[in-house]
């Protein structure tokens, strides 16, 4: 079944977010410990996050379901852990290489 233009547009937005997160991961090694902590805190409080969107997509996405997903506090644990850890540029590069690039 072909996808609607709206579904394709949403997938492109998701690809844009993935590119942005790869940039964030690539920059982490240049941050000080204090900067890592502040960025991690900011990330943990960002809303909506990927978990919220995934929950809304999995649900029978009524406006009420989406509002509940946005109200729930989910964490972006993987990136927060990378920010909090003393990750080297090599470790970040390995993590990025392990994930396939999105199809454009």
Foldseek 3Di string as FASTA:
>chain_A
DDDDPVVVVVVVVVLVVVVVVLVVLLCLLVDDLVVLVVVLVVQQPDFPDPQLVVQCVVDPNDVVSSVVSRPDRDHPPVSNVSSNDNDDSVNSVVVVVVDDRDDD
